[in-house]
N, C-alpha and C. Protein backbone atom coordinates (compact mmCIF):
# COMPACT_ATOMS: atom_id res chain seq x y z
N MET A 1 -34.12 2.48 4.14
CA MET A 1 -33.13 3.47 4.75
C MET A 1 -32.75 4.23 3.57
N GLY A 2 -32.84 5.40 4.06
CA GLY A 2 -32.30 6.71 3.17
C GLY A 2 -30.80 7.11 3.58
N SER A 3 -30.42 7.97 2.93
CA SER A 3 -28.92 8.39 3.02
C SER A 3 -28.87 9.22 4.20
N ASP A 4 -29.68 9.56 5.10
CA ASP A 4 -29.77 10.16 6.69
C ASP A 4 -29.55 9.10 7.51
N ASP A 5 -29.83 7.80 7.17
CA ASP A 5 -29.94 6.73 8.25
C ASP A 5 -28.57 5.91 8.33
N LYS A 6 -27.64 6.55 8.20
CA LYS A 6 -26.04 6.04 8.07
C LYS A 6 -25.56 5.71 9.42
N ASN A 7 -24.86 4.58 9.64
CA ASN A 7 -24.42 4.47 10.80
C ASN A 7 -23.41 5.38 11.16
N PRO A 8 -23.02 5.77 12.38
CA PRO A 8 -21.98 6.63 12.69
C PRO A 8 -20.65 5.99 12.93
N ASP A 9 -20.49 4.89 12.83
CA ASP A 9 -19.33 4.19 12.90
C ASP A 9 -18.99 4.23 11.35
N GLN A 10 -19.77 3.97 10.52
CA GLN A 10 -19.40 4.01 9.16
C GLN A 10 -18.80 5.31 8.69
N ILE A 11 -19.64 6.45 8.84
CA ILE A 11 -19.14 7.72 8.79
C ILE A 11 -17.85 8.26 9.18
N ASN A 12 -17.45 7.69 10.44
CA ASN A 12 -16.29 7.90 11.13
C ASN A 12 -15.32 7.03 10.44
N SER A 13 -15.50 6.07 10.15
CA SER A 13 -14.40 5.13 9.41
C SER A 13 -14.36 5.63 7.92
N VAL A 14 -14.98 6.26 7.26
CA VAL A 14 -14.65 6.68 5.89
C VAL A 14 -13.92 8.00 6.02
N SER A 15 -14.55 9.08 6.82
CA SER A 15 -13.74 10.40 6.72
C SER A 15 -12.18 10.32 7.03
N PRO A 16 -12.08 9.74 7.91
CA PRO A 16 -10.55 10.19 8.54
C PRO A 16 -9.56 9.53 7.59
N SER A 17 -9.75 8.28 6.78
CA SER A 17 -9.08 7.44 5.96
C SER A 17 -8.79 8.42 4.68
N SER A 18 -10.03 8.98 4.34
CA SER A 18 -9.97 9.81 2.84
C SER A 18 -9.17 11.28 3.18
N SER A 19 -9.32 11.54 4.36
CA SER A 19 -8.59 12.94 4.79
C SER A 19 -6.98 12.82 5.07
N SER A 20 -6.93 11.81 5.73
CA SER A 20 -5.25 11.32 5.87
C SER A 20 -4.47 11.09 4.83
N ASN A 21 -5.16 10.37 3.67
CA ASN A 21 -4.41 10.10 2.69
C ASN A 21 -3.97 11.66 1.95
N SER A 22 -4.82 12.40 1.81
CA SER A 22 -4.30 13.58 1.25
C SER A 22 -3.41 14.60 2.29
N SER A 23 -3.69 14.54 3.44
CA SER A 23 -2.92 15.21 4.45
C SER A 23 -1.51 14.49 4.59
N LEU A 24 -1.22 13.41 4.17
CA LEU A 24 0.37 12.74 4.62
C LEU A 24 1.04 13.16 3.45
N SER A 25 0.51 13.22 2.28
CA SER A 25 1.48 13.65 1.08
C SER A 25 2.29 15.08 1.02
N ASP A 26 1.05 15.89 1.40
CA ASP A 26 1.48 17.29 1.18
C ASP A 26 2.66 17.87 2.42
N PRO A 27 2.35 17.39 3.57
CA PRO A 27 3.38 18.01 4.61
C PRO A 27 4.71 17.24 4.47
N TRP A 28 4.76 16.09 4.14
CA TRP A 28 5.81 15.23 3.63
C TRP A 28 6.63 15.84 2.72
N LYS A 29 6.11 16.37 1.66
CA LYS A 29 6.97 17.13 0.81
C LYS A 29 7.37 18.48 0.95
N GLU A 30 6.31 19.41 1.68
CA GLU A 30 6.53 20.64 2.01
C GLU A 30 7.41 20.81 3.15
N ARG A 31 7.22 20.07 4.09
CA ARG A 31 7.93 20.11 5.62
C ARG A 31 8.99 19.24 5.81
N ILE A 32 9.15 18.34 4.71
CA ILE A 32 10.69 17.29 5.03
C ILE A 32 11.43 17.41 3.70
N LEU A 33 10.85 16.98 2.50
CA LEU A 33 11.54 16.75 1.31
C LEU A 33 12.34 18.08 1.06
N ILE A 34 11.33 19.31 0.79
CA ILE A 34 12.02 20.44 0.35
C ILE A 34 12.91 21.11 1.11
N PRO A 35 12.86 21.28 2.51
CA PRO A 35 13.97 21.61 3.35
C PRO A 35 15.40 20.74 3.46
N THR A 36 15.05 19.46 3.11
CA THR A 36 16.21 18.79 3.11
C THR A 36 16.87 19.04 1.63
N VAL A 37 16.25 19.02 0.81
CA VAL A 37 17.06 19.36 -0.43
C VAL A 37 17.53 20.79 -0.72
N LEU A 38 16.88 21.95 0.10
CA LEU A 38 17.39 23.19 0.28
C LEU A 38 18.71 23.17 1.07
N ALA A 39 18.72 22.35 2.09
CA ALA A 39 19.90 22.41 2.88
C ALA A 39 20.86 21.60 2.28
N GLY A 40 20.86 20.60 1.50
CA GLY A 40 21.80 20.14 0.57
C GLY A 40 22.60 20.79 -0.35
N VAL A 41 21.59 21.82 -1.20
CA VAL A 41 22.24 23.09 -2.13
C VAL A 41 23.02 23.94 -1.30
N ALA A 42 22.41 24.07 -0.10
CA ALA A 42 23.15 25.28 0.81
C ALA A 42 24.61 24.50 1.30
N GLY A 43 24.47 23.34 1.61
CA GLY A 43 25.67 22.75 1.64
C GLY A 43 26.97 22.71 0.81
N GLY A 44 26.26 22.41 -0.38
CA GLY A 44 27.22 22.36 -1.41
C GLY A 44 27.75 23.90 -1.83
N ALA A 45 26.96 24.78 -1.50
CA ALA A 45 27.33 26.30 -1.67
C ALA A 45 28.52 26.34 -0.64
N VAL A 46 28.28 26.09 0.82
CA VAL A 46 29.28 26.22 1.66
C VAL A 46 30.58 25.21 1.19
N GLY A 47 30.37 24.47 0.49
CA GLY A 47 31.41 23.64 0.24
C GLY A 47 32.39 24.27 -0.96
N LEU A 48 31.41 25.07 -1.79
CA LEU A 48 32.29 25.74 -2.80
C LEU A 48 33.20 26.97 -2.35
N VAL A 49 32.81 27.41 -1.17
CA VAL A 49 33.74 28.55 -0.55
C VAL A 49 34.67 28.05 0.70
N SER A 50 34.40 26.80 0.80
CA SER A 50 35.24 26.39 2.16
C SER A 50 36.80 26.14 2.07
N LYS A 51 37.69 26.38 3.06
CA LYS A 51 38.93 26.61 2.97
C LYS A 51 39.66 25.18 2.66
N HIS A 52 38.90 24.07 2.47
CA HIS A 52 39.45 22.90 2.41
C HIS A 52 39.31 22.39 0.86
N ARG A 53 38.59 23.14 0.26
CA ARG A 53 38.35 22.83 -1.39
C ARG A 53 39.67 22.60 -2.10
N LYS A 54 40.81 23.44 -1.67
CA LYS A 54 41.98 23.28 -2.35
C LYS A 54 42.79 21.88 -1.87
N VAL A 55 42.70 21.54 -0.82
CA VAL A 55 43.36 20.12 -0.13
C VAL A 55 42.49 18.98 -0.70
N LEU A 56 41.23 18.93 -0.57
CA LEU A 56 40.41 17.76 -0.71
C LEU A 56 39.78 17.83 -2.17
N GLY A 57 39.99 18.76 -2.67
CA GLY A 57 39.08 18.94 -4.08
C GLY A 57 37.84 19.45 -3.89
N LEU A 58 37.44 20.19 -4.91
CA LEU A 58 36.19 21.06 -4.97
C LEU A 58 35.20 20.09 -4.81
N SER A 59 34.97 19.15 -5.87
CA SER A 59 33.74 18.26 -6.02
C SER A 59 33.56 17.31 -4.87
N GLN A 60 34.65 16.85 -4.06
CA GLN A 60 34.63 16.01 -2.91
C GLN A 60 33.91 16.94 -1.71
N ILE A 61 34.77 18.07 -1.49
CA ILE A 61 34.31 19.00 -0.30
C ILE A 61 32.76 19.63 -0.33
N SER A 62 32.53 19.68 -1.53
CA SER A 62 31.17 20.26 -1.73
C SER A 62 29.97 18.75 -1.71
N ALA A 63 30.48 17.92 -2.14
CA ALA A 63 29.67 16.87 -1.95
C ALA A 63 29.38 16.33 -0.31
N THR A 64 30.34 16.48 0.38
CA THR A 64 30.69 16.12 1.75
C THR A 64 29.65 17.20 2.39
N TYR A 65 29.72 18.35 2.13
CA TYR A 65 28.99 19.55 2.81
C TYR A 65 27.58 19.41 2.43
N ALA A 66 27.26 19.10 1.17
CA ALA A 66 25.90 19.14 0.69
C ALA A 66 25.36 17.54 1.54
N SER A 67 25.87 16.58 1.43
CA SER A 67 25.21 15.41 1.96
C SER A 67 25.21 15.66 3.57
N ASN A 68 26.01 16.10 4.29
CA ASN A 68 26.02 16.57 5.85
C ASN A 68 24.83 17.33 6.05
N PHE A 69 24.79 18.43 5.31
CA PHE A 69 23.66 19.33 5.48
C PHE A 69 22.23 18.78 5.20
N ALA A 70 22.23 18.01 4.18
CA ALA A 70 21.06 17.23 3.89
C ALA A 70 20.66 16.12 4.92
N ILE A 71 21.57 15.53 5.55
CA ILE A 71 21.46 14.31 6.59
C ILE A 71 20.65 15.05 7.92
N VAL A 72 21.31 16.34 8.26
CA VAL A 72 21.14 16.81 9.57
C VAL A 72 19.63 17.40 9.33
N ALA A 73 19.32 18.15 8.22
CA ALA A 73 18.10 18.59 7.96
C ALA A 73 16.99 17.63 7.88
N GLY A 74 17.17 16.64 7.02
CA GLY A 74 16.27 15.56 7.06
C GLY A 74 16.00 14.65 8.22
N CYS A 75 16.82 14.74 9.33
CA CYS A 75 16.86 14.15 10.53
C CYS A 75 15.92 15.23 11.33
N TYR A 76 16.13 16.36 11.39
CA TYR A 76 15.54 17.42 12.13
C TYR A 76 14.12 17.66 11.63
N CYS A 77 13.88 17.60 10.28
CA CYS A 77 12.43 17.67 9.74
C CYS A 77 11.67 16.60 9.98
N GLY A 78 12.59 15.32 9.93
CA GLY A 78 11.45 14.03 10.17
C GLY A 78 11.09 13.93 11.63
N ALA A 79 12.09 14.32 12.64
CA ALA A 79 11.97 14.29 14.00
C ALA A 79 10.66 15.15 14.33
N ARG A 80 10.85 16.51 13.73
CA ARG A 80 9.66 17.51 13.89
C ARG A 80 8.27 17.13 13.65
N GLU A 81 8.30 16.34 12.29
CA GLU A 81 7.06 15.99 11.81
C GLU A 81 6.60 14.69 12.65
N PHE A 82 7.36 14.00 12.96
CA PHE A 82 7.00 12.69 13.95
C PHE A 82 6.28 13.27 15.33
N VAL A 83 6.96 14.27 15.76
CA VAL A 83 6.46 14.79 17.14
C VAL A 83 5.07 15.49 16.74
N ARG A 84 5.16 16.17 15.78
CA ARG A 84 3.75 16.78 15.45
C ARG A 84 2.77 15.79 15.28
N VAL A 85 3.02 14.57 14.72
CA VAL A 85 1.81 13.73 14.46
C VAL A 85 1.59 13.01 15.70
N SER A 86 2.49 12.73 16.55
CA SER A 86 2.60 12.21 17.71
C SER A 86 1.69 13.00 18.80
N ARG A 87 1.94 14.03 18.67
CA ARG A 87 1.22 15.38 19.69
C ARG A 87 0.05 15.59 18.86
N THR A 88 -0.38 15.39 17.76
CA THR A 88 -1.50 15.73 16.97
C THR A 88 -1.72 17.31 17.02
N GLY A 89 -0.52 17.88 16.96
CA GLY A 89 -0.59 19.43 16.84
C GLY A 89 -0.48 19.95 15.68
N LYS A 90 -0.48 21.07 15.74
CA LYS A 90 -0.45 22.10 14.41
C LYS A 90 1.00 22.32 13.71
N PRO A 91 0.90 22.19 12.49
CA PRO A 91 2.51 22.41 12.05
C PRO A 91 3.27 23.64 12.31
N ASP A 92 2.52 24.81 12.74
CA ASP A 92 3.11 25.95 13.21
C ASP A 92 3.63 25.99 14.81
N ASP A 93 3.17 24.81 15.32
CA ASP A 93 3.48 24.83 16.81
C ASP A 93 5.19 24.52 17.17
N LEU A 94 5.61 25.55 17.92
CA LEU A 94 7.12 25.60 17.79
C LEU A 94 7.48 24.67 19.05
N LEU A 95 6.49 23.98 19.60
CA LEU A 95 7.32 23.08 20.58
C LEU A 95 7.44 21.66 20.09
N ASN A 96 6.68 21.48 18.75
CA ASN A 96 7.01 20.37 17.93
C ASN A 96 8.74 20.57 17.46
N SER A 97 9.06 21.81 17.03
CA SER A 97 10.57 22.07 16.87
C SER A 97 11.32 21.86 17.75
N VAL A 98 11.21 22.33 19.09
CA VAL A 98 11.89 21.96 20.27
C VAL A 98 12.33 20.56 20.46
N ILE A 99 11.18 19.97 20.64
CA ILE A 99 11.27 18.47 20.91
C ILE A 99 11.79 17.72 19.69
N GLY A 100 11.50 17.99 18.67
CA GLY A 100 12.15 17.21 17.38
C GLY A 100 13.55 17.65 17.44
N GLY A 101 13.99 18.84 17.58
CA GLY A 101 15.39 19.44 17.69
C GLY A 101 16.11 18.50 18.44
N PHE A 102 15.61 18.40 19.91
CA PHE A 102 16.30 17.78 20.98
C PHE A 102 16.40 16.37 20.61
N GLY A 103 15.49 15.93 20.28
CA GLY A 103 15.56 14.35 19.81
C GLY A 103 16.60 13.89 18.66
N SER A 104 16.36 14.83 17.41
CA SER A 104 17.22 14.47 16.43
C SER A 104 18.80 14.93 16.97
N GLY A 105 18.87 16.19 17.44
CA GLY A 105 20.36 16.50 18.14
C GLY A 105 20.92 15.26 19.20
N ALA A 106 20.09 14.59 19.71
CA ALA A 106 20.54 13.83 20.74
C ALA A 106 21.10 12.39 19.96
N ILE A 107 20.38 12.13 19.19
CA ILE A 107 20.66 10.87 18.12
C ILE A 107 21.97 11.11 17.35
N LEU A 108 22.12 12.23 16.70
CA LEU A 108 23.22 12.60 15.70
C LEU A 108 24.36 12.74 16.56
N GLY A 109 24.19 13.37 17.63
CA GLY A 109 25.39 13.91 18.58
C GLY A 109 25.92 12.61 19.34
N ARG A 110 25.16 11.49 19.64
CA ARG A 110 25.53 10.23 20.15
C ARG A 110 26.18 9.42 19.30
N LEU A 111 25.70 9.58 18.06
CA LEU A 111 26.58 8.64 16.79
C LEU A 111 27.75 9.37 16.42
N GLN A 112 27.89 10.79 16.59
CA GLN A 112 29.30 11.50 16.27
C GLN A 112 30.15 11.75 17.37
N ALA A 113 29.76 11.97 18.57
CA ALA A 113 30.64 12.58 19.53
C ALA A 113 30.40 11.88 20.90
N GLY A 114 29.46 10.77 21.12
CA GLY A 114 29.37 10.19 22.53
C GLY A 114 28.38 10.87 23.27
N GLN A 115 28.27 10.76 24.50
CA GLN A 115 27.34 11.26 25.58
C GLN A 115 27.44 12.70 25.36
N ILE A 116 28.65 13.27 25.74
CA ILE A 116 28.83 14.49 26.00
C ILE A 116 28.23 15.48 24.40
N GLY A 117 28.59 14.72 23.59
CA GLY A 117 28.03 15.23 22.15
C GLY A 117 26.68 14.98 22.07
N ALA A 118 26.26 14.32 22.60
CA ALA A 118 24.63 14.01 22.40
C ALA A 118 23.96 15.43 23.34
N VAL A 119 24.40 15.70 24.26
CA VAL A 119 23.95 16.91 25.02
C VAL A 119 24.13 18.11 24.43
N ARG A 120 25.29 18.35 23.84
CA ARG A 120 25.44 19.62 23.08
C ARG A 120 24.72 19.66 21.75
N TYR A 121 24.82 18.52 21.15
CA TYR A 121 23.85 18.46 19.88
C TYR A 121 22.43 18.63 19.95
N SER A 122 21.91 17.91 21.05
CA SER A 122 20.55 18.36 21.42
C SER A 122 20.20 19.64 21.53
N VAL A 123 20.95 20.46 22.46
CA VAL A 123 20.46 21.74 22.77
C VAL A 123 20.83 22.64 21.49
N MET A 124 21.91 22.39 20.93
CA MET A 124 22.04 23.12 19.68
C MET A 124 20.94 23.05 18.43
N PHE A 125 20.69 21.69 18.08
CA PHE A 125 19.35 21.51 17.13
C PHE A 125 18.24 21.96 17.81
N ALA A 126 18.10 21.87 18.95
CA ALA A 126 16.64 22.43 19.41
C ALA A 126 16.57 23.96 19.40
N VAL A 127 17.60 24.69 19.67
CA VAL A 127 17.83 26.08 19.38
C VAL A 127 17.81 26.68 17.92
N VAL A 128 18.48 26.26 17.25
CA VAL A 128 18.69 26.72 15.94
C VAL A 128 17.60 26.08 15.04
N GLY A 129 17.18 24.94 15.04
CA GLY A 129 16.00 24.59 14.44
C GLY A 129 14.69 25.39 14.92
N THR A 130 14.48 25.59 16.13
CA THR A 130 13.61 26.53 16.60
C THR A 130 13.37 27.88 15.98
N ALA A 131 14.68 28.27 16.14
CA ALA A 131 14.88 29.82 15.50
C ALA A 131 14.64 29.91 14.06
N VAL A 132 14.93 28.82 13.14
CA VAL A 132 14.91 28.69 11.98
C VAL A 132 13.24 28.56 11.71
N ASP A 133 12.39 27.89 12.16
CA ASP A 133 11.29 27.75 12.21
C ASP A 133 10.29 28.89 12.36
N TYR A 134 10.94 29.43 13.49
CA TYR A 134 10.05 30.69 13.90
C TYR A 134 10.53 31.87 12.89
N ALA A 135 11.73 31.95 12.32
CA ALA A 135 11.90 32.96 11.31
C ALA A 135 11.21 32.68 10.03
N THR A 136 10.82 31.23 9.61
CA THR A 136 10.21 30.92 8.62
C THR A 136 8.83 31.06 8.61
N LEU A 137 8.09 31.25 10.06
CA LEU A 137 6.97 31.42 10.27
C LEU A 137 6.71 32.88 9.83
N LYS A 138 7.49 33.76 10.48
CA LYS A 138 7.64 35.20 10.42
C LYS A 138 7.67 35.77 8.85
N ILE A 139 8.60 34.98 8.04
CA ILE A 139 8.72 35.49 6.67
C ILE A 139 7.78 34.76 5.81
N LYS A 140 7.13 33.78 5.99
CA LYS A 140 6.26 33.13 4.93
C LYS A 140 5.09 34.09 4.47
N PRO A 141 4.60 34.88 5.34
CA PRO A 141 3.45 35.74 4.58
C PRO A 141 3.96 36.95 3.69
N ALA A 142 5.30 37.18 4.07
CA ALA A 142 5.87 38.30 3.19
C ALA A 142 6.47 37.94 1.76
N ILE A 143 6.86 36.48 1.95
CA ILE A 143 7.01 35.55 0.77
C ILE A 143 5.88 35.57 -0.17
N THR A 144 4.76 35.13 0.46
CA THR A 144 3.49 34.96 -0.21
C THR A 144 2.98 36.07 -0.80
N LYS A 145 2.87 37.43 0.03
CA LYS A 145 2.55 38.58 -0.84
C LYS A 145 3.32 38.95 -1.73
N PHE A 146 4.46 38.78 -1.93
CA PHE A 146 5.56 39.04 -2.87
C PHE A 146 5.40 38.27 -4.05
N THR A 147 5.21 36.84 -3.90
CA THR A 147 4.68 36.19 -4.88
C THR A 147 3.39 36.47 -5.69
N ALA A 148 2.48 37.05 -4.72
CA ALA A 148 1.14 37.31 -5.28
C ALA A 148 1.47 38.72 -6.14
N GLU A 149 2.10 39.64 -5.64
CA GLU A 149 2.36 40.78 -6.34
C GLU A 149 3.04 40.59 -7.67
N LYS A 150 3.93 39.43 -7.68
CA LYS A 150 4.76 39.23 -8.89
C LYS A 150 3.93 38.87 -9.86
N ASP A 151 2.96 37.89 -9.66
CA ASP A 151 2.12 37.52 -10.49
C ASP A 151 1.33 38.72 -11.45
N SER A 152 1.01 39.61 -10.43
CA SER A 152 0.20 40.87 -10.96
C SER A 152 0.91 41.69 -12.34
N TRP A 153 2.01 41.90 -12.00
CA TRP A 153 2.93 42.72 -12.90
C TRP A 153 3.60 41.91 -13.82
N LEU A 154 3.38 40.60 -13.86
CA LEU A 154 4.07 39.77 -14.85
C LEU A 154 3.10 39.32 -16.20
N LYS A 155 2.03 39.93 -16.14
CA LYS A 155 1.01 39.74 -17.00
C LYS A 155 1.31 40.32 -18.33
N LEU A 156 1.45 39.62 -19.52
CA LEU A 156 1.70 40.16 -20.70
C LEU A 156 0.48 40.93 -21.38
N PRO A 157 0.94 42.16 -22.06
CA PRO A 157 -0.16 43.06 -22.66
C PRO A 157 -0.86 42.15 -23.92
N GLU A 158 -2.26 42.83 -24.00
CA GLU A 158 -3.07 41.92 -25.15
C GLU A 158 -2.11 42.05 -26.42
N TRP A 159 -1.66 43.23 -26.78
CA TRP A 159 -0.59 43.31 -28.27
C TRP A 159 0.55 42.24 -28.28
N SER A 160 0.97 41.72 -27.14
CA SER A 160 2.21 40.92 -27.14
C SER A 160 1.95 39.71 -27.90
N PRO A 161 3.13 39.37 -28.93
CA PRO A 161 2.72 37.96 -29.62
C PRO A 161 3.11 36.86 -28.72
N ILE A 162 3.52 37.02 -27.57
CA ILE A 162 3.54 35.71 -26.59
C ILE A 162 2.16 35.99 -25.85
N GLN A 163 1.59 34.78 -25.99
CA GLN A 163 0.18 34.70 -25.34
C GLN A 163 0.00 33.55 -24.69
N ILE A 164 -0.55 33.45 -23.34
CA ILE A 164 -0.88 32.19 -22.83
C ILE A 164 -2.33 31.72 -23.36
N LEU A 165 -2.40 30.54 -23.87
CA LEU A 165 -3.72 30.13 -24.48
C LEU A 165 -4.44 29.14 -23.61
N ASP A 166 -5.69 29.10 -23.68
CA ASP A 166 -6.55 28.04 -22.77
C ASP A 166 -6.79 26.93 -23.73
N ASP A 167 -7.60 26.05 -23.37
CA ASP A 167 -7.94 24.67 -24.08
C ASP A 167 -8.23 24.97 -25.43
N GLU A 168 -9.36 25.94 -25.34
CA GLU A 168 -10.07 26.24 -26.45
C GLU A 168 -9.32 27.03 -27.77
N ALA A 169 -8.52 27.83 -27.21
CA ALA A 169 -7.43 28.79 -28.03
C ALA A 169 -6.45 27.92 -28.47
N VAL A 170 -6.00 26.60 -28.12
CA VAL A 170 -5.04 25.50 -28.23
C VAL A 170 -5.48 25.16 -29.43
N ALA A 171 -6.86 24.35 -29.34
CA ALA A 171 -7.59 23.51 -30.00
C ALA A 171 -7.85 24.49 -31.52
N ALA A 172 -8.32 25.59 -31.55
CA ALA A 172 -8.61 26.56 -32.61
C ALA A 172 -7.18 26.82 -33.31
N LYS A 173 -5.92 26.68 -32.64
CA LYS A 173 -4.60 26.94 -33.16
C LYS A 173 -4.22 25.65 -34.06
N ARG A 174 -4.46 24.86 -33.41
CA ARG A 174 -4.33 23.43 -33.94
C ARG A 174 -4.91 23.23 -35.34
N ALA A 175 -6.21 23.56 -35.26
CA ALA A 175 -7.19 23.43 -36.50
C ALA A 175 -6.82 24.41 -37.46
N ARG A 176 -6.38 25.46 -37.32
CA ARG A 176 -5.61 26.08 -38.49
C ARG A 176 -4.48 25.71 -38.72
N GLU A 177 -3.52 25.37 -38.02
CA GLU A 177 -2.42 24.83 -38.20
C GLU A 177 -2.46 23.69 -39.40
N GLN A 178 -3.42 22.71 -38.94
CA GLN A 178 -3.77 21.69 -39.72
C GLN A 178 -4.35 21.81 -41.18
N GLN A 179 -5.21 22.79 -41.25
CA GLN A 179 -5.85 23.58 -42.57
C GLN A 179 -4.73 24.12 -43.34
N ILE A 180 -3.80 24.94 -42.98
CA ILE A 180 -2.71 25.54 -43.59
C ILE A 180 -1.64 24.34 -44.05
N PHE A 181 -1.68 23.16 -43.08
CA PHE A 181 -0.67 22.22 -43.77
C PHE A 181 -1.26 21.38 -44.88
N ARG A 182 -2.64 21.28 -44.86
CA ARG A 182 -3.35 20.66 -46.14
C ARG A 182 -3.31 21.42 -47.06
N ASN A 183 -3.59 22.83 -47.11
CA ASN A 183 -3.46 23.65 -48.18
C ASN A 183 -2.05 23.71 -48.90
N VAL A 184 -0.94 23.53 -48.08
CA VAL A 184 0.31 23.80 -48.72
C VAL A 184 0.65 22.27 -49.56
N HIS A 185 0.10 21.21 -48.99
CA HIS A 185 0.46 20.08 -49.49
C HIS A 185 -0.66 19.80 -50.99
N ASN A 186 -1.80 20.53 -50.71
CA ASN A 186 -2.26 20.49 -51.97
C ASN A 186 -1.83 21.02 -53.11
N LEU A 187 -1.09 22.50 -52.75
CA LEU A 187 -0.69 23.34 -53.75
C LEU A 187 0.64 22.72 -54.27
N ASN A 188 1.41 21.72 -53.49
CA ASN A 188 2.60 20.90 -54.19
C ASN A 188 2.07 19.98 -54.89
N LYS A 189 0.72 19.23 -54.48
CA LYS A 189 0.48 18.20 -55.48
C LYS A 189 0.06 18.85 -56.96
N GLU A 190 -0.54 20.03 -57.01
CA GLU A 190 -1.05 20.74 -58.27
C GLU A 190 0.02 20.97 -59.15
N GLU A 191 1.13 21.56 -58.45
CA GLU A 191 2.36 22.05 -59.18
C GLU A 191 2.92 20.73 -59.67
N SER A 192 2.81 19.72 -59.30
CA SER A 192 3.80 18.52 -59.80
C SER A 192 3.02 17.84 -60.92
């Protein structure tokens, strides 16, 4: 049996597991963790300018806003990704945002304000979450282009004393430093 005579079941059983392991870690970080952390930072900034900071204290109100923003963003992003995986859809599909926003808003609204709150929160999360995702999709190419241009103008000239060294240059530099160190210690031994 050559390598061409593989069982199709074996091929299918190996391929999805190896690709799913790499695809599970990246979306989790990029599409759930990073927005949650950014929302927490934004919540802390809102707490810094809140009118309640004088009454409750700056640190307490900032922490409260930061945790609330992070909880809302984490629930929304998690629900959106759950819907994406359930529907086996693309990450850029806005229907995932609508369904995820509706579900997470309903759950958080029910916990916060009862049945009426569940309806209000679900509509609000669906609209705001989908609008933010749509804006992110439209802005992402511009940000990518800006960062690509930023790298091109940030290169140091050849005459600059600050240089980025590759592995070979680092090894040569260390060898020179060790040679200088040995020469200096040999001179100290000869003088004494």
